[in-house]
Amino acid sequence: MGETEKNTIGVLLLNLGGPDSLQAVRPFLYNLFSDRSIIKLGPSFLQKPIAWLISGIRAQSTKKIYNLIGGKSPILDITTEQAKALEELLNSSLLLQSPHPPFSKGGRGGIKVYVGMRYWHPFVEEVVPEIYNDGIRKLIVLSLYPHYSRTTTGSVLSQFKEVVSRYPVEIFCISSWFDHPLYIDALVDLIEKGLESFTPSLTLPPQRGRDGWGGVHVLFSAHSLPESFIAEGDPYVYQIQETIKKIVKIMNIEWHLSYQSKSGPVKWLEPSTEEMLEKFAEWGYRNMLVVPISFVSDHIETLYEIDILYKDMAQKKGITLKRVESLNTHPLFIEALKDIVIESVKEIKWV
């Protein structure tokens, strides 16, 4: 292997993953509940037996939900599309066109972008050997969770670091990017389009008044966490709030924040999205735009919880509920990822 190949830089996008078939639902749930960084099920030696029991109990109901959204999670397909779009953008960027490009031109033609998952294929432990065998010796590791939590970025980064420690690869990890300007711009663009979908006949932009932006109220819905995690120092809520602050500096909107997807008997972050639906009905609100603020791609929480469950609940209360499109491969979002990678490479002087 030549020296140039050894110095090739790679990018690894990290996510938790999702079942790619109905048959994968139970083993996916087992892997999820086996992770003590998310939930401790008794003493450590009982974690996996209890996880297997819980995954068996929940598998059938979870399969029914996945049946409603296509029989699998779309998370791998979307993350793969994000990786491909990012790779193309990086390889066409001015950085790669410089007289002394920082990335080798071998392999697929420059920088390589990989996908690694925590709880389902392609597992981090499967991808790291592939990265090494491809000649990558410098690796930018980017969590696809903008807001850091030990339950998401913390868990998958911990797994990655354990695996990569067996290989002579230089790494640089990016654990949060909740206030990146292009990420904020992408969210603003999606929110504006969502708001406009309520008022297609207006020639002038609706103005915020007593009933919000043209009578539309924005609800930022983030994945919930046990309150104890925040009390122990998890920065997740702070970073969520900072993202919203950046958005509302640009947009004049009426908004609230809630939390979805809680499970188990512990005390979770409040208010829940279900509770906010009740309050909106009490307050007489009739138009509601949900922004899944802690998600960058469609999966069960957006396609089922918001689009089916919450939409049905809202309809029964006389509320029209719409959801902004997920970031997925939004051009500004991919541009944000590219900018994060390039700035990181410059920061650690790999160029």
Protein backbone atom coordinates (compact mmCIF):
# COMPACT_ATOMS: atom_id res chain seq x y z
CA MET A 1 0.00 0.00 0.00
CA GLY A 2 1.43 3.36 -1.04
CA GLU A 3 1.92 6.29 1.30
CA THR A 4 -0.82 8.30 -0.43
CA GLU A 5 -3.36 5.56 0.16
CA LYS A 6 -2.36 5.32 3.80
CA ASN A 7 -3.08 9.03 4.23
CA THR A 8 -6.54 8.91 2.68
CA ILE A 9 -9.09 10.68 4.85
CA GLY A 10 -12.49 9.14 5.49
CA VAL A 11 -15.72 10.32 7.08
CA LEU A 12 -17.91 8.07 9.22
CA LEU A 13 -21.53 9.08 9.80
CA LEU A 14 -22.87 7.55 13.01
CA ASN A 15 -26.49 6.76 13.82
CA LEU A 16 -28.35 4.34 16.07
CA GLY A 17 -30.03 2.54 13.17
CA GLY A 18 -33.33 0.73 12.80
CA PRO A 19 -34.73 -2.66 11.75
CA ASP A 20 -34.47 -3.23 7.99
CA SER A 21 -37.23 -5.86 7.99
CA LEU A 22 -39.98 -7.14 10.27
CA GLN A 23 -37.74 -10.10 11.15
CA ALA A 24 -35.13 -7.65 12.40
CA VAL A 25 -37.48 -5.95 14.88
CA ARG A 26 -36.87 -8.23 17.87
CA PRO A 27 -33.05 -8.44 17.53
CA PHE A 28 -32.95 -4.67 17.02
CA LEU A 29 -34.98 -4.14 20.21
CA TYR A 30 -32.75 -6.61 22.03
CA ASN A 31 -29.64 -4.65 21.02
CA LEU A 32 -31.33 -1.42 22.10
CA PHE A 33 -32.37 -2.68 25.55
CA SER A 34 -29.00 -4.35 26.07
CA ASP A 35 -27.34 -0.91 26.11
CA ARG A 36 -26.87 0.16 29.73
CA SER A 37 -26.04 3.72 28.65
CA ILE A 38 -29.75 4.10 27.80
CA ILE A 39 -31.40 2.02 30.50
CA LYS A 40 -30.10 -0.12 33.36
CA LEU A 41 -32.16 -3.27 33.70
CA GLY A 42 -31.21 -4.61 37.12
CA PRO A 43 -27.61 -5.62 37.85
CA SER A 44 -25.31 -5.76 34.83
CA PHE A 45 -25.32 -9.56 34.60
CA LEU A 46 -29.11 -9.50 34.13
CA GLN A 47 -29.14 -6.74 31.49
CA LYS A 48 -29.15 -9.07 28.48
CA PRO A 49 -31.61 -11.67 29.80
CA ILE A 50 -34.06 -8.90 30.72
CA ALA A 51 -33.45 -7.19 27.36
CA TRP A 52 -34.31 -10.44 25.58
CA LEU A 53 -37.53 -10.75 27.61
CA ILE A 54 -38.60 -7.14 26.94
CA SER A 55 -37.77 -7.39 23.24
CA GLY A 56 -39.98 -10.47 23.00
CA ILE A 57 -42.87 -8.71 24.73
CA ARG A 58 -42.64 -5.61 22.56
CA ALA A 59 -41.80 -7.22 19.22
CA GLN A 60 -45.34 -7.93 18.01
CA SER A 61 -46.74 -4.47 18.72
CA THR A 62 -43.64 -2.84 17.24
CA LYS A 63 -43.95 -4.96 14.08
CA LYS A 64 -47.51 -3.69 13.65
CA ILE A 65 -46.24 -0.13 13.78
CA TYR A 66 -43.50 -0.81 11.22
CA ASN A 67 -46.12 -2.43 8.99
CA LEU A 68 -47.87 0.94 8.89
CA ILE A 69 -44.74 2.72 7.61
CA GLY A 70 -43.56 0.26 4.97
CA GLY A 71 -42.47 -2.82 6.93
CA LYS A 72 -39.08 -1.46 8.01
CA SER A 73 -37.24 1.61 9.21
CA PRO A 74 -36.12 3.91 6.39
CA ILE A 75 -33.17 5.11 8.46
CA LEU A 76 -30.48 3.11 6.64
CA ASP A 77 -31.71 4.07 3.18
CA ILE A 78 -31.84 7.74 4.14
CA THR A 79 -28.48 7.73 5.94
CA THR A 80 -26.90 6.02 2.93
CA GLU A 81 -28.36 8.75 0.69
CA GLN A 82 -26.99 11.40 3.06
CA ALA A 83 -23.55 9.77 2.93
CA LYS A 84 -23.60 9.63 -0.87
CA ALA A 85 -24.71 13.27 -1.17
CA LEU A 86 -22.05 14.38 1.33
CA GLU A 87 -19.32 12.41 -0.46
CA GLU A 88 -20.24 13.97 -3.81
CA LEU A 89 -20.31 17.45 -2.31
CA LEU A 90 -16.98 17.01 -0.55
CA ASN A 91 -15.31 15.68 -3.67
CA SER A 92 -16.58 18.57 -5.78
CA SER A 93 -15.69 21.23 -3.23
CA LEU A 94 -12.98 23.83 -3.69
CA LEU A 95 -10.97 22.14 -0.95
CA LEU A 96 -10.48 19.13 -3.20
CA GLN A 97 -9.68 21.31 -6.21
CA SER A 98 -6.71 22.98 -4.51
CA PRO A 99 -3.20 22.42 -5.94
CA HIS A 100 -2.39 20.19 -2.95
CA PRO A 101 -5.60 18.25 -2.22
CA PRO A 102 -5.85 16.91 1.35
CA PHE A 103 -7.47 13.68 0.23
CA SER A 104 -6.02 11.02 -2.01
CA LYS A 105 -7.63 10.46 -5.39
CA GLY A 106 -7.57 6.70 -5.03
CA GLY A 107 -10.51 4.37 -4.44
CA ARG A 108 -13.80 6.00 -5.38
CA GLY A 109 -12.11 9.25 -6.31
CA GLY A 110 -11.23 11.17 -3.16
CA ILE A 111 -12.74 11.29 0.27
CA LYS A 112 -14.87 8.32 1.30
CA VAL A 113 -17.98 8.58 3.46
CA TYR A 114 -19.17 5.58 5.43
CA VAL A 115 -22.22 4.77 7.57
CA GLY A 116 -22.04 3.01 10.93
CA MET A 117 -24.96 2.07 13.19
CA ARG A 118 -25.21 1.19 16.88
CA TYR A 119 -28.09 -1.27 17.04
CA TRP A 120 -28.47 -2.73 13.55
CA HIS A 121 -26.55 -3.29 10.33
CA PRO A 122 -24.19 -1.93 9.24
CA PHE A 123 -22.84 -2.15 12.79
CA VAL A 124 -19.93 0.08 13.77
CA GLU A 125 -17.93 -3.08 14.46
CA GLU A 126 -18.52 -4.19 10.85
CA VAL A 127 -17.68 -0.85 9.26
CA VAL A 128 -14.44 0.02 11.08
CA PRO A 129 -12.53 -2.99 9.64
CA GLU A 130 -13.85 -2.06 6.18
CA ILE A 131 -12.60 1.50 6.65
CA TYR A 132 -9.15 0.25 7.65
CA ASN A 133 -8.97 -2.24 4.78
CA ASP A 134 -9.83 0.58 2.36
CA GLY A 135 -6.63 2.32 3.38
CA ILE A 136 -8.16 5.02 5.56
CA ARG A 137 -5.73 6.20 8.24
CA LYS A 138 -7.35 9.51 9.15
CA LEU A 139 -11.04 9.49 10.01
CA ILE A 140 -13.54 12.27 10.73
CA VAL A 141 -16.34 10.80 12.87
CA LEU A 142 -19.61 12.74 12.70
CA SER A 143 -22.65 11.90 14.79
CA LEU A 144 -25.92 12.52 12.95
CA TYR A 145 -27.47 13.73 16.20
CA PRO A 146 -27.11 17.54 16.27
CA HIS A 147 -27.75 17.64 20.04
CA TYR A 148 -25.46 15.59 22.24
CA SER A 149 -26.92 13.05 24.62
CA ARG A 150 -25.24 10.11 26.26
CA THR A 151 -28.16 7.98 24.99
CA THR A 152 -27.46 8.74 21.31
CA THR A 153 -24.11 10.24 20.36
CA GLY A 154 -22.55 9.15 23.65
CA SER A 155 -23.57 5.53 23.16
CA VAL A 156 -22.54 5.16 19.52
CA LEU A 157 -19.26 7.06 20.03
CA SER A 158 -18.39 4.85 22.97
CA GLN A 159 -18.94 1.76 20.85
CA PHE A 160 -16.94 3.24 17.98
CA LYS A 161 -13.97 4.17 20.18
CA GLU A 162 -13.86 0.68 21.65
CA VAL A 163 -13.75 -0.86 18.18
CA VAL A 164 -11.36 1.62 16.54
CA SER A 165 -8.85 1.29 19.40
CA ARG A 166 -7.69 -1.96 17.77
CA TYR A 167 -6.64 -0.15 14.59
CA PRO A 168 -3.86 2.40 13.91
CA VAL A 169 -6.25 5.08 12.67
CA GLU A 170 -6.17 8.76 13.63
CA ILE A 171 -9.65 9.96 14.55
CA PHE A 172 -11.40 13.27 15.14
CA CYS A 173 -14.91 13.06 16.60
CA ILE A 174 -17.65 15.68 16.22
CA SER A 175 -20.21 15.10 18.94
CA SER A 176 -22.63 18.01 18.42
CA TRP A 177 -23.36 20.81 15.95
CA PHE A 178 -26.67 22.16 17.26
CA ASP A 179 -25.92 25.80 16.36
CA HIS A 180 -24.24 25.42 12.97
CA PRO A 181 -25.55 28.28 10.76
CA LEU A 182 -26.34 26.09 7.73
CA TYR A 183 -28.16 23.56 9.91
CA ILE A 184 -30.25 26.42 11.32
CA ASP A 185 -30.89 27.75 7.80
CA ALA A 186 -32.07 24.31 6.66
CA LEU A 187 -34.54 24.12 9.56
CA VAL A 188 -35.79 27.65 8.89
CA ASP A 189 -36.36 26.77 5.23
CA LEU A 190 -38.37 23.68 6.16
CA ILE A 191 -40.42 25.57 8.76
CA GLU A 192 -41.20 28.36 6.31
CA LYS A 193 -42.42 25.83 3.75
CA GLY A 194 -44.48 24.10 6.42
CA LEU A 195 -46.11 27.37 7.46
CA GLU A 196 -46.82 28.30 3.86
CA SER A 197 -48.63 24.99 3.35
CA PHE A 198 -51.37 26.29 5.65
CA THR A 199 -51.89 29.47 3.63
CA PRO A 200 -51.40 28.70 -0.08
CA SER A 201 -53.89 31.34 -1.19
CA LEU A 202 -52.29 34.32 0.55
CA THR A 203 -50.27 36.68 -1.62
CA LEU A 204 -48.56 38.31 1.35
CA PRO A 205 -46.74 36.45 4.13
CA PRO A 206 -49.00 36.06 7.18
CA GLN A 207 -47.95 38.17 10.15
CA ARG A 208 -47.64 36.90 13.68
CA GLY A 209 -50.54 38.01 15.84
CA ARG A 210 -52.63 36.72 18.74
CA ASP A 211 -53.04 33.43 16.90
CA GLY A 212 -49.41 33.02 15.88
CA TRP A 213 -47.94 33.03 12.37
CA GLY A 214 -51.13 33.45 10.37
CA GLY A 215 -52.96 31.37 12.95
CA VAL A 216 -50.37 28.56 12.87
CA HIS A 217 -48.60 27.49 16.06
CA VAL A 218 -45.22 25.78 15.85
CA LEU A 219 -44.51 22.88 18.18
CA PHE A 220 -40.89 21.76 18.40
CA SER A 221 -41.05 18.08 19.37
CA ALA A 222 -37.81 16.51 20.61
CA HIS A 223 -37.16 12.92 21.62
CA SER A 224 -37.64 12.67 25.37
CA LEU A 225 -35.10 11.61 28.00
CA PRO A 226 -35.39 10.66 31.66
CA GLU A 227 -35.12 13.84 33.74
CA SER A 228 -32.37 12.20 35.79
CA PHE A 229 -30.04 12.25 32.77
CA ILE A 230 -30.34 16.04 32.52
CA ALA A 231 -29.84 16.40 36.28
CA GLU A 232 -26.64 14.38 35.89
CA GLY A 233 -25.27 16.85 33.34
CA ASP A 234 -26.50 15.69 29.93
CA PRO A 235 -26.48 18.87 27.74
CA TYR A 236 -29.30 17.68 25.46
CA VAL A 237 -32.05 20.07 26.64
CA TYR A 238 -29.73 23.09 26.69
CA GLN A 239 -28.60 22.37 23.12
CA ILE A 240 -32.20 21.88 21.93
CA GLN A 241 -33.13 25.25 23.46
CA GLU A 242 -30.13 26.93 21.83
CA THR A 243 -31.15 25.59 18.41
CA ILE A 244 -34.66 27.00 18.88
CA LYS A 245 -33.24 30.36 20.00
CA LYS A 246 -31.28 30.57 16.74
CA ILE A 247 -34.40 29.76 14.72
CA VAL A 248 -36.68 32.28 16.42
CA LYS A 249 -34.09 35.02 15.97
CA ILE A 250 -34.68 34.56 12.25
CA MET A 251 -38.41 33.72 12.29
CA ASN A 252 -41.23 35.56 13.99
CA ILE A 253 -43.28 32.57 15.15
CA GLU A 254 -45.47 31.46 18.02
CA TRP A 255 -43.85 28.33 19.38
CA HIS A 256 -43.67 25.75 22.18
CA LEU A 257 -41.33 22.86 22.99
CA SER A 258 -42.42 19.36 23.92
CA TYR A 259 -40.95 15.86 24.17
CA GLN A 260 -42.07 12.61 22.55
CA SER A 261 -41.29 8.88 22.58
CA LYS A 262 -41.04 8.29 26.32
CA SER A 263 -41.32 4.78 27.72
CA GLY A 264 -40.92 3.16 31.10
CA PRO A 265 -41.87 4.18 34.65
CA VAL A 266 -39.19 6.83 35.33
CA LYS A 267 -39.90 10.57 35.23
CA TRP A 268 -39.37 11.91 31.70
CA LEU A 269 -38.89 15.42 30.34
CA GLU A 270 -42.02 17.55 30.25
CA PRO A 271 -44.28 18.61 28.72
CA SER A 272 -44.96 15.61 26.51
CA THR A 273 -46.17 16.18 22.96
CA GLU A 274 -49.47 14.51 23.92
CA GLU A 275 -49.89 17.02 26.78
CA MET A 276 -49.22 19.92 24.42
CA LEU A 277 -51.90 18.64 22.07
CA GLU A 278 -54.36 18.79 24.98
CA LYS A 279 -53.25 22.33 25.85
CA PHE A 280 -53.50 23.52 22.25
CA ALA A 281 -57.09 22.22 22.15
CA GLU A 282 -57.88 23.98 25.47
CA TRP A 283 -56.40 27.23 24.16
CA GLY A 284 -58.50 27.02 21.02
CA TYR A 285 -55.60 26.63 18.59
CA ARG A 286 -56.67 25.14 15.27
CA ASN A 287 -53.48 24.95 13.16
CA MET A 288 -50.35 23.22 14.39
CA LEU A 289 -46.99 22.69 12.67
CA VAL A 290 -44.80 20.06 14.31
CA VAL A 291 -41.02 20.37 13.94
CA PRO A 292 -39.22 17.15 15.00
CA ILE A 293 -36.26 19.16 16.25
CA SER A 294 -33.93 16.35 17.38
CA PHE A 295 -34.25 14.20 14.25
CA VAL A 296 -32.40 14.64 10.93
CA SER A 297 -34.16 11.88 8.98
CA ASP A 298 -37.50 10.13 8.81
CA HIS A 299 -38.04 7.08 10.97
CA ILE A 300 -40.65 5.59 13.31
CA GLU A 301 -40.88 8.71 15.50
CA THR A 302 -41.80 10.95 12.56
CA LEU A 303 -43.64 8.57 10.23
CA TYR A 304 -45.73 6.86 12.90
CA GLU A 305 -45.77 8.92 16.09
CA ILE A 306 -46.25 12.33 14.49
CA ASP A 307 -47.78 11.54 11.09
CA ILE A 308 -50.24 8.90 12.30
CA LEU A 309 -50.65 8.89 16.09
CA TYR A 310 -50.44 12.61 16.90
CA LYS A 311 -52.20 13.65 13.70
CA ASP A 312 -55.15 11.43 14.59
CA MET A 313 -55.21 12.76 18.16
CA ALA A 314 -55.14 16.35 16.86
CA GLN A 315 -57.91 15.71 14.35
CA LYS A 316 -60.18 14.41 17.10
CA LYS A 317 -59.59 17.67 18.97
CA GLY A 318 -60.39 19.82 15.94
CA ILE A 319 -56.76 20.68 15.23
CA THR A 320 -55.14 20.51 11.80
CA LEU A 321 -51.68 19.05 12.40
CA LYS A 322 -48.95 19.13 9.79
CA ARG A 323 -45.28 18.21 10.08
CA VAL A 324 -42.33 19.86 8.42
CA GLU A 325 -40.41 17.64 6.03
CA SER A 326 -37.43 15.94 7.63
CA LEU A 327 -33.95 17.19 6.76
CA ASN A 328 -33.04 13.92 5.01
CA THR A 329 -30.98 15.11 1.98
CA HIS A 330 -32.03 18.76 2.06
CA PRO A 331 -29.28 20.65 0.17
CA LEU A 332 -28.61 23.09 3.02
CA PHE A 333 -28.34 20.22 5.48
CA ILE A 334 -25.81 18.35 3.32
CA GLU A 335 -23.96 21.63 2.87
CA ALA A 336 -23.86 21.95 6.67
CA LEU A 337 -22.36 18.47 7.02
CA LYS A 338 -19.78 19.30 4.36
CA ASP A 339 -18.85 22.53 6.14
CA ILE A 340 -18.52 20.72 9.48
CA VAL A 341 -16.18 18.14 7.94
CA ILE A 342 -14.02 20.68 6.09
CA GLU A 343 -13.69 22.98 9.09
CA SER A 344 -12.71 19.99 11.25
CA VAL A 345 -10.06 18.87 8.77
CA LYS A 346 -8.63 22.38 8.76
CA GLU A 347 -8.79 22.65 12.57
CA ILE A 348 -6.70 19.53 13.09
CA LYS A 349 -4.39 20.49 10.22
CA TRP A 350 -4.97 17.40 8.07
CA VAL A 351 -4.70 19.74 5.07
